Amino acid sequence: MSKELNFKQELTGCFGKPVAENPTQAMIEPAYRHHGLDWRYLTIEVDPADLGDAVRGARAMGFKGFNCTIPHKVAVIEHLDGLGESAELMGAVNCVVRRDGKLIGENTDGKGFVESLCEITDPIGTRVVVFGAGGAARAIGVELALAGAIEMTIVNRSTERGRELVDLLNHKTQVRAHFEEWSGEFDIPEGVDVVVNATSIGLFPDLDARLALNTDTLVEGMVVADVIPNPPRTNLVKDAEKCGCKVIDGLGMLVNQGVIGIKYWTGIDPDPKVMREALEEVFRG
C-alpha cells in the first residue's frame, strides 16, 4: 500500500523589525530536518503598527508558534490569549506557543542564558551587571535572580525603564537590585562575577559599535556575556577575551533558547549539536 501523500507543512517563525540579520532560521530548520519534521520556520519583518495583524494572521494560518524579537517582546502581549509563568513575571515574551487553539506567550531568553552560564559557573551567589532594560534584560535578570544571583546592577540610559526593571526584581525575586544611569563609559564595580550585554549595541550591520564600558575594569576570570548572535564575536566578546574573561557568545544562548522553543512547539527534544553546527557553518561562510 502506497504512503498517503501529505504536502501540508507546519508553520513557525520569527516576527521582528529589523529581522533580516536574525539567524534563528539557520538553526531551527536544520533541527526540523534532522528529526524528520516537515515543518518550516519563516523569518518575517513586522512593523510595530502591524503587529496585531501579524498575530491574527498567524492564528488564522494555523502557526504552531512563533518567536518575537526586537521591538515586539512587550507589545505582543496584548494580542495573546495568555502568558506562561515566567513571561508573566517578566512582562516580556519571546516565544509564542499554540496550546488548545490559544496563543500563549512564553519566555526562553532568560532560560537559554542561564543554561549557557551554568556550563561555565554556578549562578548561585553571583553578583551581576546587566546593560539594558528591555525585553532581553528583563528575561535574563529575572531568570538569574531565580537561579540564585544575590546582587544585580541594571545599567541603562533611560532612568524610567531601568528603575522599572529594578522594582520588578526587588519586588518579585530575592535578588538585591539597584539602578545605575548609563552616561559615558561605565566602570564595572569590584566583586562583580558576571557582566551581560542585553542591548542591541554591536548587532549587524553596526559591527564597529562598542559598549560604553571601561574595559580596564574587566577582571580575569569574570564571565562576560553578549546576547547578540550576529556577529557571534562582537567587540565586547573580543575585548573580554583579551582581558582573560570567560566569554559566552550569542550563539550558545540562541541555541539553548531554540532547544526550549522547539520542544514547546513540537514536543521533541532537539539535538543542540546539530543547531550549533548549522549556525557555525553560516558564520564561517
C-alpha atoms as a PDB file:
ATOM      1  CA  MET A   1       0.000   0.000   0.000  1.00  0.00           C
ATOM      2  CA  SER A   2       1.469   3.371  -1.002  1.00  0.00           C
ATOM      3  CA  LYS A   3       2.176   6.007   1.601  1.00  0.00           C
ATOM      4  CA  GLU A   4      -0.524   8.661   1.859  1.00  0.00           C
ATOM      5  CA  LEU A   5       0.651  11.927   0.325  1.00  0.00           C
ATOM      6  CA  ASN A   6       0.676  14.981   2.578  1.00  0.00           C
ATOM      7  CA  PHE A   7       2.002  18.303   1.324  1.00  0.00           C
ATOM      8  CA  LYS A   8       0.954  20.348   4.375  1.00  0.00           C
ATOM      9  CA  GLN A   9       3.819  21.825   6.359  1.00  0.00           C
ATOM     10  CA  GLU A  10       3.505  23.068   9.933  1.00  0.00           C
ATOM     11  CA  LEU A  11       4.487  26.710  10.317  1.00  0.00           C
ATOM     12  CA  THR A  12       6.588  28.547  12.899  1.00  0.00           C
ATOM     13  CA  GLY A  13       8.578  31.727  12.551  1.00  0.00           C
ATOM     14  CA  CYS A  14      10.045  34.925  13.905  1.00  0.00           C
ATOM     15  CA  PHE A  15       8.443  38.389  13.982  1.00  0.00           C
ATOM     16  CA  GLY A  16      10.709  41.421  14.331  1.00  0.00           C
ATOM     17  CA  LYS A  17      11.987  44.634  12.791  1.00  0.00           C
ATOM     18  CA  PRO A  18      14.721  44.665  11.690  1.00  0.00           C
ATOM     19  CA  VAL A  19      14.851  40.903  11.285  1.00  0.00           C
ATOM     20  CA  ALA A  20      16.949  40.165   8.190  1.00  0.00           C
ATOM     21  CA  GLU A  21      20.084  39.694  10.311  1.00  0.00           C
ATOM     22  CA  ASN A  22      18.385  37.256  12.721  1.00  0.00           C
ATOM     23  CA  PRO A  23      19.975  33.796  12.208  1.00  0.00           C
ATOM     24  CA  THR A  24      17.396  31.723  14.127  1.00  0.00           C
ATOM     25  CA  GLN A  25      16.041  30.111  10.954  1.00  0.00           C
ATOM     26  CA  ALA A  26      19.540  28.820  10.176  1.00  0.00           C
ATOM     27  CA  MET A  27      19.464  26.577  13.252  1.00  0.00           C
ATOM     28  CA  ILE A  28      15.745  25.773  13.579  1.00  0.00           C
ATOM     29  CA  GLU A  29      15.148  24.347  10.089  1.00  0.00           C
ATOM     30  CA  PRO A  30      18.197  22.002  10.241  1.00  0.00           C
ATOM     31  CA  ALA A  31      16.821  20.728  13.561  1.00  0.00           C
ATOM     32  CA  TYR A  32      13.434  20.081  11.960  1.00  0.00           C
ATOM     33  CA  ARG A  33      15.078  18.168   9.087  1.00  0.00           C
ATOM     34  CA  HIS A  34      17.337  16.208  11.455  1.00  0.00           C
ATOM     35  CA  HIS A  35      14.319  14.992  13.395  1.00  0.00           C
ATOM     36  CA  GLY A  36      12.232  14.230  10.297  1.00  0.00           C
ATOM     37  CA  LEU A  37       9.704  17.020  10.829  1.00  0.00           C
ATOM     38  CA  ASP A  38       8.011  18.581   7.802  1.00  0.00           C
ATOM     39  CA  TRP A  39       7.952  21.987   9.485  1.00  0.00           C
ATOM     40  CA  ARG A  40       9.070  25.456   8.358  1.00  0.00           C
ATOM     41  CA  TYR A  41      10.472  28.445  10.227  1.00  0.00           C
ATOM     42  CA  LEU A  42       9.826  31.777   8.491  1.00  0.00           C
ATOM     43  CA  THR A  43      11.740  34.972   9.236  1.00  0.00           C
ATOM     44  CA  ILE A  44       9.149  37.761   8.871  1.00  0.00           C
ATOM     45  CA  GLU A  45       9.644  41.510   9.169  1.00  0.00           C
ATOM     46  CA  VAL A  46       6.689  43.049  11.004  1.00  0.00           C
ATOM     47  CA  ASP A  47       6.287  46.784  11.574  1.00  0.00           C
ATOM     48  CA  PRO A  48       5.135  47.668  15.109  1.00  0.00           C
ATOM     49  CA  ALA A  49       1.936  49.160  13.685  1.00  0.00           C
ATOM     50  CA  ASP A  50       1.135  45.831  12.015  1.00  0.00           C
ATOM     51  CA  LEU A  51       1.896  43.512  14.941  1.00  0.00           C
ATOM     52  CA  GLY A  52      -1.761  42.847  15.783  1.00  0.00           C
ATOM     53  CA  ASP A  53      -2.497  41.928  12.168  1.00  0.00           C
ATOM     54  CA  ALA A  54       0.556  39.649  12.088  1.00  0.00           C
ATOM     55  CA  VAL A  55      -0.571  37.749  15.197  1.00  0.00           C
ATOM     56  CA  ARG A  56      -4.103  37.405  13.809  1.00  0.00           C
ATOM     57  CA  GLY A  57      -2.592  36.135  10.553  1.00  0.00           C
ATOM     58  CA  ALA A  58      -0.502  33.542  12.395  1.00  0.00           C
ATOM     59  CA  ARG A  59      -3.598  32.442  14.269  1.00  0.00           C
ATOM     60  CA  ALA A  60      -5.664  32.172  11.049  1.00  0.00           C
ATOM     61  CA  MET A  61      -2.931  30.265   9.192  1.00  0.00           C
ATOM     62  CA  GLY A  62      -2.517  27.731  11.975  1.00  0.00           C
ATOM     63  CA  PHE A  63       1.028  28.609  13.063  1.00  0.00           C
ATOM     64  CA  LYS A  64       2.189  26.231  15.791  1.00  0.00           C
ATOM     65  CA  GLY A  65       4.020  29.179  17.322  1.00  0.00           C
ATOM     66  CA  PHE A  66       6.496  31.946  16.644  1.00  0.00           C
ATOM     67  CA  ASN A  67       9.333  33.886  18.202  1.00  0.00           C
ATOM     68  CA  CYS A  68       9.226  37.629  18.861  1.00  0.00           C
ATOM     69  CA  THR A  69      12.335  39.745  18.747  1.00  0.00           C
ATOM     70  CA  ILE A  70      13.062  43.493  18.856  1.00  0.00           C
ATOM     71  CA  PRO A  71      10.816  45.530  19.164  1.00  0.00           C
ATOM     72  CA  HIS A  72       7.830  43.228  19.823  1.00  0.00           C
ATOM     73  CA  LYS A  73       8.648  41.364  23.062  1.00  0.00           C
ATOM     74  CA  VAL A  74       6.422  43.519  25.266  1.00  0.00           C
ATOM     75  CA  ALA A  75       3.930  44.836  22.715  1.00  0.00           C
ATOM     76  CA  VAL A  76       2.888  41.331  21.598  1.00  0.00           C
ATOM     77  CA  ILE A  77       1.354  40.548  24.993  1.00  0.00           C
ATOM     78  CA  GLU A  78      -1.901  42.425  24.343  1.00  0.00           C
ATOM     79  CA  HIS A  79      -2.523  40.275  21.246  1.00  0.00           C
ATOM     80  CA  LEU A  80      -2.179  36.894  23.006  1.00  0.00           C
ATOM     81  CA  ASP A  81      -4.634  34.693  24.911  1.00  0.00           C
ATOM     82  CA  GLY A  82      -2.444  34.209  27.967  1.00  0.00           C
ATOM     83  CA  LEU A  83       1.069  34.057  29.412  1.00  0.00           C
ATOM     84  CA  GLY A  84       3.244  31.370  30.934  1.00  0.00           C
ATOM     85  CA  GLU A  85       4.538  31.910  34.458  1.00  0.00           C
ATOM     86  CA  SER A  86       7.951  33.296  33.543  1.00  0.00           C
ATOM     87  CA  ALA A  87       6.639  35.573  30.787  1.00  0.00           C
ATOM     88  CA  GLU A  88       4.022  36.988  33.151  1.00  0.00           C
ATOM     89  CA  LEU A  89       6.653  37.648  35.808  1.00  0.00           C
ATOM     90  CA  MET A  90       8.985  39.362  33.312  1.00  0.00           C
ATOM     91  CA  GLY A  91       6.367  41.218  31.322  1.00  0.00           C
ATOM     92  CA  ALA A  92       8.091  40.123  28.115  1.00  0.00           C
ATOM     93  CA  VAL A  93       7.524  37.366  25.543  1.00  0.00           C
ATOM     94  CA  ASN A  94       9.954  35.940  23.001  1.00  0.00           C
ATOM     95  CA  CYS A  95       8.214  32.640  22.217  1.00  0.00           C
ATOM     96  CA  VAL A  96       4.511  32.145  21.435  1.00  0.00           C
ATOM     97  CA  VAL A  97       3.055  28.633  21.595  1.00  0.00           C
ATOM     98  CA  ARG A  98      -0.312  27.374  20.308  1.00  0.00           C
ATOM     99  CA  ARG A  99      -1.968  25.303  23.048  1.00  0.00           C
ATOM    100  CA  ASP A 100      -5.517  24.017  22.625  1.00  0.00           C
ATOM    101  CA  GLY A 101      -6.190  26.650  19.993  1.00  0.00           C
ATOM    102  CA  LYS A 102      -4.898  29.509  22.162  1.00  0.00           C
ATOM    103  CA  LEU A 103      -1.718  31.533  21.664  1.00  0.00           C
ATOM    104  CA  ILE A 104       0.275  31.550  24.908  1.00  0.00           C
ATOM    105  CA  GLY A 105       3.330  33.747  25.477  1.00  0.00           C
ATOM    106  CA  GLU A 106       6.436  32.179  26.991  1.00  0.00           C
ATOM    107  CA  ASN A 107       9.972  33.459  27.505  1.00  0.00           C
ATOM    108  CA  THR A 108      13.051  31.399  26.663  1.00  0.00           C
ATOM    109  CA  ASP A 109      15.568  34.289  26.632  1.00  0.00           C
ATOM    110  CA  GLY A 110      16.488  34.049  30.296  1.00  0.00           C
ATOM    111  CA  LYS A 111      16.319  30.261  30.480  1.00  0.00           C
ATOM    112  CA  GLY A 112      18.655  29.962  27.497  1.00  0.00           C
ATOM    113  CA  PHE A 113      21.073  32.392  29.091  1.00  0.00           C
ATOM    114  CA  VAL A 114      21.114  30.606  32.455  1.00  0.00           C
ATOM    115  CA  GLU A 115      21.773  27.259  30.756  1.00  0.00           C
ATOM    116  CA  SER A 116      24.769  28.812  28.968  1.00  0.00           C
ATOM    117  CA  LEU A 117      26.023  30.332  32.221  1.00  0.00           C
ATOM    118  CA  CYS A 118      25.702  27.024  34.073  1.00  0.00           C
ATOM    119  CA  GLU A 119      28.129  25.468  31.564  1.00  0.00           C
ATOM    120  CA  ILE A 120      30.775  27.865  32.923  1.00  0.00           C
ATOM    121  CA  THR A 121      29.861  28.659  36.523  1.00  0.00           C
ATOM    122  CA  ASP A 122      27.190  28.198  39.192  1.00  0.00           C
ATOM    123  CA  PRO A 123      24.893  31.266  39.226  1.00  0.00           C
ATOM    124  CA  ILE A 124      24.137  30.830  42.936  1.00  0.00           C
ATOM    125  CA  GLY A 125      25.646  33.676  44.934  1.00  0.00           C
ATOM    126  CA  THR A 126      26.790  35.679  41.909  1.00  0.00           C
ATOM    127  CA  ARG A 127      26.934  39.463  41.600  1.00  0.00           C
ATOM    128  CA  VAL A 128      25.818  40.637  38.170  1.00  0.00           C
ATOM    129  CA  VAL A 129      25.870  43.762  35.986  1.00  0.00           C
ATOM    130  CA  VAL A 130      23.287  43.889  33.182  1.00  0.00           C
ATOM    131  CA  PHE A 131      23.454  46.523  30.439  1.00  0.00           C
ATOM    132  CA  GLY A 132      19.965  47.338  29.121  1.00  0.00           C
ATOM    133  CA  ALA A 133      16.436  47.209  30.491  1.00  0.00           C
ATOM    134  CA  GLY A 134      14.384  45.903  27.556  1.00  0.00           C
ATOM    135  CA  GLY A 135      12.819  42.506  26.987  1.00  0.00           C
ATOM    136  CA  ALA A 136      16.094  40.537  26.934  1.00  0.00           C
ATOM    137  CA  ALA A 137      17.377  42.283  30.076  1.00  0.00           C
ATOM    138  CA  ARG A 138      14.090  41.595  31.879  1.00  0.00           C
ATOM    139  CA  ALA A 139      14.211  37.903  30.986  1.00  0.00           C
ATOM    140  CA  ILE A 140      17.871  37.452  31.891  1.00  0.00           C
ATOM    141  CA  GLY A 141      17.567  39.462  35.092  1.00  0.00           C
ATOM    142  CA  VAL A 142      14.569  37.512  36.354  1.00  0.00           C
ATOM    143  CA  GLU A 143      15.964  34.077  35.466  1.00  0.00           C
ATOM    144  CA  LEU A 144      19.354  34.909  37.030  1.00  0.00           C
ATOM    145  CA  ALA A 145      17.567  36.030  40.188  1.00  0.00           C
ATOM    146  CA  LEU A 146      15.518  32.825  40.269  1.00  0.00           C
ATOM    147  CA  ALA A 147      18.730  30.824  39.695  1.00  0.00           C
ATOM    148  CA  GLY A 148      20.317  32.299  42.825  1.00  0.00           C
ATOM    149  CA  ALA A 149      22.124  35.538  41.917  1.00  0.00           C
ATOM    150  CA  ILE A 150      22.288  37.699  45.045  1.00  0.00           C
ATOM    151  CA  GLU A 151      23.040  41.183  43.685  1.00  0.00           C
ATOM    152  CA  MET A 152      22.266  42.850  40.355  1.00  0.00           C
ATOM    153  CA  THR A 153      23.076  46.239  38.889  1.00  0.00           C
ATOM    154  CA  ILE A 154      20.918  47.402  35.966  1.00  0.00           C
ATOM    155  CA  VAL A 155      22.763  49.932  33.782  1.00  0.00           C
ATOM    156  CA  ASN A 156      20.558  51.837  31.330  1.00  0.00           C
ATOM    157  CA  ARG A 157      20.343  55.218  29.604  1.00  0.00           C
ATOM    158  CA  SER A 158      16.605  55.554  30.268  1.00  0.00           C
ATOM    159  CA  THR A 159      16.178  56.085  34.002  1.00  0.00           C
ATOM    160  CA  GLU A 160      12.459  55.300  33.945  1.00  0.00           C
ATOM    161  CA  ARG A 161      12.856  51.975  32.172  1.00  0.00           C
ATOM    162  CA  GLY A 162      15.859  50.992  34.286  1.00  0.00           C
ATOM    163  CA  ARG A 163      14.068  51.692  37.550  1.00  0.00           C
ATOM    164  CA  GLU A 164      11.022  49.732  36.350  1.00  0.00           C
ATOM    165  CA  LEU A 165      13.191  46.640  35.934  1.00  0.00           C
ATOM    166  CA  VAL A 166      14.891  47.188  39.305  1.00  0.00           C
ATOM    167  CA  ASP A 167      11.493  47.487  41.006  1.00  0.00           C
ATOM    168  CA  LEU A 168      10.315  44.276  39.327  1.00  0.00           C
ATOM    169  CA  LEU A 169      13.414  42.386  40.512  1.00  0.00           C
ATOM    170  CA  ASN A 170      13.251  43.724  44.056  1.00  0.00           C
ATOM    171  CA  HIS A 171       9.525  43.077  44.483  1.00  0.00           C
ATOM    172  CA  LYS A 172       9.172  39.719  42.720  1.00  0.00           C
ATOM    173  CA  THR A 173      12.509  37.968  43.353  1.00  0.00           C
ATOM    174  CA  GLN A 174      15.015  37.611  46.193  1.00  0.00           C
ATOM    175  CA  VAL A 175      17.873  39.441  44.428  1.00  0.00           C
ATOM    176  CA  ARG A 176      19.116  42.838  45.655  1.00  0.00           C
ATOM    177  CA  ALA A 177      18.826  45.071  42.587  1.00  0.00           C
ATOM    178  CA  HIS A 178      19.777  48.698  42.020  1.00  0.00           C
ATOM    179  CA  PHE A 179      19.948  51.097  39.099  1.00  0.00           C
ATOM    180  CA  GLU A 180      22.907  52.975  37.614  1.00  0.00           C
ATOM    181  CA  GLU A 181      22.383  55.639  34.981  1.00  0.00           C
ATOM    182  CA  TRP A 182      24.482  54.955  31.879  1.00  0.00           C
ATOM    183  CA  SER A 183      26.365  58.078  30.824  1.00  0.00           C
ATOM    184  CA  GLY A 184      29.854  57.783  29.398  1.00  0.00           C
ATOM    185  CA  GLU A 185      31.982  54.685  29.953  1.00  0.00           C
ATOM    186  CA  PHE A 186      30.711  52.525  32.806  1.00  0.00           C
ATOM    187  CA  ASP A 187      33.164  51.113  35.352  1.00  0.00           C
ATOM    188  CA  ILE A 188      32.426  47.563  36.475  1.00  0.00           C
ATOM    189  CA  PRO A 189      32.445  47.579  40.314  1.00  0.00           C
ATOM    190  CA  GLU A 190      34.808  45.338  42.242  1.00  0.00           C
ATOM    191  CA  GLY A 191      33.409  41.946  43.188  1.00  0.00           C
ATOM    192  CA  VAL A 192      31.206  41.516  40.103  1.00  0.00           C
ATOM    193  CA  ASP A 193      31.124  37.928  38.791  1.00  0.00           C
ATOM    194  CA  VAL A 194      29.019  38.239  35.613  1.00  0.00           C
ATOM    195  CA  VAL A 195      28.616  41.060  33.058  1.00  0.00           C
ATOM    196  CA  VAL A 196      25.822  40.854  30.455  1.00  0.00           C
ATOM    197  CA  ASN A 197      25.192  42.983  27.385  1.00  0.00           C
ATOM    198  CA  ALA A 198      21.434  42.728  26.891  1.00  0.00           C
ATOM    199  CA  THR A 199      21.288  45.650  24.423  1.00  0.00           C
ATOM    200  CA  SER A 200      21.442  45.649  20.608  1.00  0.00           C
ATOM    201  CA  ILE A 201      24.784  47.508  20.582  1.00  0.00           C
ATOM    202  CA  GLY A 202      27.080  45.709  18.131  1.00  0.00           C
ATOM    203  CA  LEU A 203      24.280  43.964  16.224  1.00  0.00           C
ATOM    204  CA  PHE A 204      24.836  43.604  12.465  1.00  0.00           C
ATOM    205  CA  PRO A 205      25.293  45.836  10.497  1.00  0.00           C
ATOM    206  CA  ASP A 206      26.743  48.082  13.248  1.00  0.00           C
ATOM    207  CA  LEU A 207      29.854  45.945  13.562  1.00  0.00           C
ATOM    208  CA  ASP A 208      32.073  48.805  14.782  1.00  0.00           C
ATOM    209  CA  ALA A 209      29.765  49.718  17.667  1.00  0.00           C
ATOM    210  CA  ARG A 210      31.210  49.274  21.145  1.00  0.00           C
ATOM    211  CA  LEU A 211      29.507  49.063  24.503  1.00  0.00           C
ATOM    212  CA  ALA A 212      30.337  52.171  26.553  1.00  0.00           C
ATOM    213  CA  LEU A 213      32.280  50.145  29.088  1.00  0.00           C
ATOM    214  CA  ASN A 214      35.697  50.749  30.639  1.00  0.00           C
ATOM    215  CA  THR A 215      37.421  47.503  29.653  1.00  0.00           C
ATOM    216  CA  ASP A 216      40.171  48.194  32.206  1.00  0.00           C
ATOM    217  CA  THR A 217      37.583  47.236  34.846  1.00  0.00           C
ATOM    218  CA  LEU A 218      37.077  43.761  33.353  1.00  0.00           C
ATOM    219  CA  VAL A 219      38.883  41.237  35.533  1.00  0.00           C
ATOM    220  CA  GLU A 220      40.480  37.927  34.597  1.00  0.00           C
ATOM    221  CA  GLY A 221      38.093  35.059  35.347  1.00  0.00           C
ATOM    222  CA  MET A 222      34.993  37.257  35.223  1.00  0.00           C
ATOM    223  CA  VAL A 223      32.168  35.921  32.992  1.00  0.00           C
ATOM    224  CA  VAL A 224      31.226  38.323  30.178  1.00  0.00           C
ATOM    225  CA  ALA A 225      28.191  37.514  28.025  1.00  0.00           C
ATOM    226  CA  ASP A 226      26.806  39.169  24.900  1.00  0.00           C
ATOM    227  CA  VAL A 227      23.264  38.330  23.785  1.00  0.00           C
ATOM    228  CA  ILE A 228      23.974  39.322  20.163  1.00  0.00           C
ATOM    229  CA  PRO A 229      24.146  36.288  17.826  1.00  0.00           C
ATOM    230  CA  ASN A 230      25.109  38.175  14.665  1.00  0.00           C
ATOM    231  CA  PRO A 231      28.043  38.590  14.674  1.00  0.00           C
ATOM    232  CA  PRO A 232      28.926  35.951  17.296  1.00  0.00           C
ATOM    233  CA  ARG A 233      32.274  37.646  18.006  1.00  0.00           C
ATOM    234  CA  THR A 234      31.233  41.177  18.911  1.00  0.00           C
ATOM    235  CA  ASN A 235      33.733  43.787  20.049  1.00  0.00           C
ATOM    236  CA  LEU A 236      32.659  43.070  23.634  1.00  0.00           C
ATOM    237  CA  VAL A 237      33.472  39.378  23.225  1.00  0.00           C
ATOM    238  CA  LYS A 238      36.875  40.199  21.727  1.00  0.00           C
ATOM    239  CA  ASP A 239      37.702  42.788  24.406  1.00  0.00           C
ATOM    240  CA  ALA A 240      36.665  40.424  27.209  1.00  0.00           C
ATOM    241  CA  GLU A 241      38.832  37.611  25.830  1.00  0.00           C
ATOM    242  CA  LYS A 242      41.839  39.949  25.754  1.00  0.00           C
ATOM    243  CA  CYS A 243      41.219  40.674  29.445  1.00  0.00           C
ATOM    244  CA  GLY A 244      41.210  36.958  30.315  1.00  0.00           C
ATOM    245  CA  CYS A 245      37.476  36.776  30.945  1.00  0.00           C
ATOM    246  CA  LYS A 246      35.335  33.709  30.377  1.00  0.00           C
ATOM    247  CA  VAL A 247      33.038  34.507  27.456  1.00  0.00           C
ATOM    248  CA  ILE A 248      29.502  33.488  26.499  1.00  0.00           C
ATOM    249  CA  ASP A 249      28.642  34.427  22.927  1.00  0.00           C
ATOM    250  CA  GLY A 250      25.186  34.936  21.484  1.00  0.00           C
ATOM    251  CA  LEU A 251      25.234  31.657  19.550  1.00  0.00           C
ATOM    252  CA  GLY A 252      25.287  29.470  22.650  1.00  0.00           C
ATOM    253  CA  MET A 253      22.401  31.388  24.171  1.00  0.00           C
ATOM    254  CA  LEU A 254      20.480  31.315  20.884  1.00  0.00           C
ATOM    255  CA  VAL A 255      20.857  27.538  20.618  1.00  0.00           C
ATOM    256  CA  ASN A 256      19.639  26.991  24.173  1.00  0.00           C
ATOM    257  CA  GLN A 257      16.631  29.237  23.561  1.00  0.00           C
ATOM    258  CA  GLY A 258      15.909  27.387  20.315  1.00  0.00           C
ATOM    259  CA  VAL A 259      16.016  23.996  22.014  1.00  0.00           C
ATOM    260  CA  ILE A 260      13.384  25.125  24.516  1.00  0.00           C
ATOM    261  CA  GLY A 261      11.235  26.729  21.792  1.00  0.00           C
ATOM    262  CA  ILE A 262      11.266  23.654  19.552  1.00  0.00           C
ATOM    263  CA  LYS A 263      10.228  21.474  22.487  1.00  0.00           C
ATOM    264  CA  TYR A 264       7.360  23.885  23.263  1.00  0.00           C
ATOM    265  CA  TRP A 265       6.147  23.700  19.640  1.00  0.00           C
ATOM    266  CA  THR A 266       6.788  20.061  18.701  1.00  0.00           C
ATOM    267  CA  GLY A 267       7.110  18.139  21.960  1.00  0.00           C
ATOM    268  CA  ILE A 268      10.506  16.695  20.958  1.00  0.00           C
ATOM    269  CA  ASP A 269      13.942  17.340  22.444  1.00  0.00           C
ATOM    270  CA  PRO A 270      16.055  18.607  19.525  1.00  0.00           C
ATOM    271  CA  ASP A 271      19.778  17.949  19.207  1.00  0.00           C
ATOM    272  CA  PRO A 272      21.608  21.164  20.189  1.00  0.00           C
ATOM    273  CA  LYS A 273      24.796  19.994  18.466  1.00  0.00           C
ATOM    274  CA  VAL A 274      23.023  19.974  15.088  1.00  0.00           C
ATOM    275  CA  MET A 275      21.768  23.502  15.741  1.00  0.00           C
ATOM    276  CA  ARG A 276      25.133  24.914  16.845  1.00  0.00           C
ATOM    277  CA  GLU A 277      26.944  23.353  13.905  1.00  0.00           C
ATOM    278  CA  ALA A 278      24.416  24.835  11.469  1.00  0.00           C
ATOM    279  CA  LEU A 279      24.956  28.317  12.911  1.00  0.00           C
ATOM    280  CA  GLU A 280      28.727  27.975  12.867  1.00  0.00           C
ATOM    281  CA  GLU A 281      28.609  26.930   9.222  1.00  0.00           C
ATOM    282  CA  VAL A 282      26.617  30.058   8.373  1.00  0.00           C
ATOM    283  CA  PHE A 283      29.073  32.363  10.084  1.00  0.00           C
ATOM    284  CA  ARG A 284      32.130  30.594   8.656  1.00  0.00           C
ATOM    285  CA  GLY A 285      30.692  31.473   5.250  1.00  0.00           C
END
